[in-house]
Amino acid sequence: MNLNRAAFIIILFLFASFQKIQANVIITGKITGDIHQEVVYTVPINGVFYEGFFEKVKTDEAGNFKIELNVEKASIVSIYISSKVSRQIIIEPGQNYQVSIYISKVNQFSRSMSNTFNITCNSTKGQNLFNALATRPLVSFEARKYVRDTAISKIRKIIEFQ
């Protein structure tokens, strides 16, 4: 009887370890200053970040918004507000993120804008460091350079030369 119970527990543990872990990620945010009515964000599919996978969420009158995603592994989500703010967040399953965004109002005499984007989470320092890095070009844009090249060795030489 104890042997059957032990075998059952081991089998149950094995099934649980092979299950994909999916958990909700909640990004709550508040826009101050020049409040926009919608926030555009990318939706990672199987952990893949692509600009074409996006959705929109409306903000309320106070500039609050909430994004809920169901992911199974760490991914990158970009948040866009008009053409004024664009930042990325590295999300992990089961985590919550608070975002505060200030968008300066542009008047006719001053065209300069000072926008801020702050993330509060368990990995705030890492998020800030990630967003401080130089903007990485999208793979699809970079790959277009080599679409007409057929020889792998030629492509490799071009990449190494750059």
Protein backbone atom coordinates (compact mmCIF):
# COMPACT_ATOMS: atom_id res chain seq x y z
CA MET A 1 0.00 0.00 0.00
CA ASN A 2 2.81 2.45 0.87
CA LEU A 3 4.59 1.53 -2.37
CA ASN A 4 1.49 2.41 -4.40
CA ARG A 5 1.12 5.70 -2.56
CA ALA A 6 4.80 6.58 -3.16
CA ALA A 7 4.51 5.67 -6.85
CA PHE A 8 1.37 7.83 -7.14
CA ILE A 9 3.11 10.80 -5.54
CA ILE A 10 6.13 10.42 -7.84
CA ILE A 11 3.92 10.19 -10.94
CA LEU A 12 1.91 13.20 -9.80
CA PHE A 13 5.13 15.17 -9.27
CA LEU A 14 6.39 14.21 -12.74
CA PHE A 15 3.15 15.33 -14.39
CA ALA A 16 3.28 18.63 -12.54
CA SER A 17 6.90 19.26 -13.54
CA PHE A 18 6.17 18.75 -17.25
CA GLN A 19 3.18 21.10 -17.27
CA LYS A 20 3.69 24.49 -18.89
CA ILE A 21 3.42 27.20 -16.28
CA GLN A 22 1.18 29.99 -17.44
CA ALA A 23 0.52 32.93 -15.21
CA ASN A 24 -1.05 36.32 -15.56
CA VAL A 25 1.10 39.41 -15.80
CA ILE A 26 -0.57 42.63 -14.80
CA ILE A 27 0.79 46.00 -15.91
CA THR A 28 -1.02 48.92 -14.32
CA GLY A 29 -0.16 52.42 -15.35
CA LYS A 30 -0.94 56.08 -15.00
CA ILE A 31 -0.33 58.78 -17.57
CA THR A 32 0.00 62.35 -16.34
CA GLY A 33 0.48 65.58 -18.23
CA ASP A 34 -0.83 65.19 -21.77
CA ILE A 35 -3.18 62.23 -21.23
CA HIS A 36 -3.82 60.07 -24.28
CA GLN A 37 -6.93 57.95 -24.70
CA GLU A 38 -5.23 54.70 -25.63
CA VAL A 39 -2.07 52.74 -25.00
CA VAL A 40 -0.69 50.36 -27.62
CA TYR A 41 1.33 47.38 -26.43
CA THR A 42 2.95 44.37 -28.02
CA VAL A 43 1.72 40.89 -27.13
CA PRO A 44 4.44 38.24 -26.87
CA ILE A 45 3.51 34.92 -28.46
CA ASN A 46 5.50 31.95 -27.11
CA GLY A 47 8.02 34.42 -25.71
CA VAL A 48 8.59 36.03 -29.13
CA PHE A 49 8.57 39.81 -29.35
CA TYR A 50 7.36 41.20 -32.68
CA GLU A 51 6.06 44.68 -33.45
CA GLY A 52 3.18 43.22 -35.47
CA PHE A 53 1.63 41.45 -32.46
CA PHE A 54 -0.05 44.35 -30.70
CA GLU A 55 -3.25 45.31 -28.93
CA LYS A 56 -4.71 48.51 -27.50
CA VAL A 57 -6.19 49.43 -24.16
CA LYS A 58 -8.18 52.56 -23.32
CA THR A 59 -7.24 54.92 -20.52
CA ASP A 60 -9.80 56.41 -18.16
CA GLU A 61 -10.26 60.16 -17.62
CA ALA A 62 -7.47 60.20 -15.03
CA GLY A 63 -5.01 58.47 -17.37
CA ASN A 64 -5.09 55.04 -15.68
CA PHE A 65 -4.80 51.84 -17.70
CA LYS A 66 -4.42 48.13 -17.07
CA ILE A 67 -2.85 45.46 -19.28
CA GLU A 68 -3.34 41.77 -18.49
CA LEU A 69 -1.29 39.12 -20.31
CA ASN A 70 -1.10 35.36 -19.89
CA VAL A 71 2.50 34.22 -20.49
CA GLU A 72 4.47 31.08 -19.83
CA LYS A 73 8.00 32.51 -19.92
CA ALA A 74 9.87 35.78 -19.66
CA SER A 75 9.12 38.08 -22.59
CA ILE A 76 9.48 41.66 -23.74
CA VAL A 77 6.48 43.98 -24.04
CA SER A 78 6.72 47.37 -25.73
CA ILE A 79 4.38 50.15 -24.64
CA TYR A 80 3.59 52.96 -27.07
CA ILE A 81 1.67 56.14 -26.47
CA SER A 82 1.14 57.99 -29.72
CA SER A 83 4.56 58.87 -31.11
CA LYS A 84 5.64 60.42 -27.82
CA VAL A 85 6.59 57.49 -25.59
CA SER A 86 7.95 54.06 -26.45
CA ARG A 87 9.50 51.81 -23.81
CA GLN A 88 10.00 48.12 -23.23
CA ILE A 89 9.33 46.01 -20.15
CA ILE A 90 10.79 42.58 -19.50
CA ILE A 91 7.88 40.64 -18.02
CA GLU A 92 7.90 37.38 -16.09
CA PRO A 93 4.95 35.07 -15.39
CA GLY A 94 3.03 35.91 -12.23
CA GLN A 95 4.62 39.34 -11.72
CA ASN A 96 2.96 42.74 -11.43
CA TYR A 97 4.36 45.97 -12.86
CA GLN A 98 3.41 49.56 -12.12
CA VAL A 99 4.20 52.14 -14.77
CA SER A 100 4.06 55.90 -14.38
CA ILE A 101 4.34 58.00 -17.50
CA TYR A 102 4.57 61.76 -17.74
CA ILE A 103 4.05 63.31 -21.18
CA SER A 104 4.73 67.02 -21.42
CA LYS A 105 2.22 69.16 -23.22
CA VAL A 106 3.69 70.84 -26.29
CA ASN A 107 2.68 74.43 -26.85
CA GLN A 108 3.11 76.47 -30.00
CA PHE A 109 6.18 78.31 -28.66
CA SER A 110 8.14 75.34 -27.36
CA ARG A 111 8.44 72.14 -29.35
CA SER A 112 10.70 70.41 -26.83
CA MET A 113 9.19 67.57 -24.85
CA SER A 114 10.41 65.97 -21.67
CA ASN A 115 8.71 62.63 -21.17
CA THR A 116 9.39 60.23 -18.31
CA PHE A 117 8.64 56.54 -18.00
CA ASN A 118 9.14 54.84 -14.63
CA ILE A 119 8.63 51.16 -13.83
CA THR A 120 8.10 49.85 -10.31
CA CYS A 121 8.46 46.09 -9.81
CA ASN A 122 10.70 43.46 -8.23
CA SER A 123 13.38 44.19 -10.84
CA THR A 124 13.19 47.98 -11.14
CA LYS A 125 16.97 48.48 -11.44
CA GLY A 126 17.22 45.87 -14.20
CA GLN A 127 14.27 47.37 -16.08
CA ASN A 128 15.83 50.84 -15.94
CA LEU A 129 19.18 49.48 -17.12
CA PHE A 130 17.51 47.63 -20.00
CA ASN A 131 15.72 50.79 -21.15
CA ALA A 132 18.93 52.84 -20.82
CA LEU A 133 20.70 50.64 -23.39
CA ALA A 134 21.00 51.87 -26.94
CA THR A 135 17.94 51.06 -29.00
CA ARG A 136 18.33 47.73 -30.67
CA PRO A 137 17.30 47.48 -34.30
CA LEU A 138 14.53 45.05 -35.09
CA VAL A 139 15.72 41.77 -36.53
CA SER A 140 13.28 41.96 -39.43
CA PHE A 141 14.65 45.36 -40.52
CA GLU A 142 18.25 44.19 -40.29
CA ALA A 143 17.49 40.95 -42.15
CA ARG A 144 16.16 42.88 -45.15
CA LYS A 145 19.73 43.89 -45.99
CA TYR A 146 20.55 40.30 -46.86
CA VAL A 147 17.36 39.18 -48.61
CA ARG A 148 19.00 39.11 -52.06
CA ASP A 149 22.18 37.38 -50.90
CA THR A 150 22.16 33.63 -51.38
CA ALA A 151 25.63 32.59 -50.30
CA ILE A 152 25.97 32.12 -46.57
CA SER A 153 29.70 32.85 -46.68
CA LYS A 154 29.00 36.16 -48.42
CA ILE A 155 26.44 37.14 -45.76
CA ARG A 156 28.89 36.19 -43.01
CA LYS A 157 31.62 38.40 -44.54
CA ILE A 158 29.22 41.35 -44.79
CA ILE A 159 28.15 40.94 -41.16
CA GLU A 160 31.76 40.60 -39.93
CA PHE A 161 32.80 43.67 -41.93
CA GLN A 162 30.15 45.87 -40.29
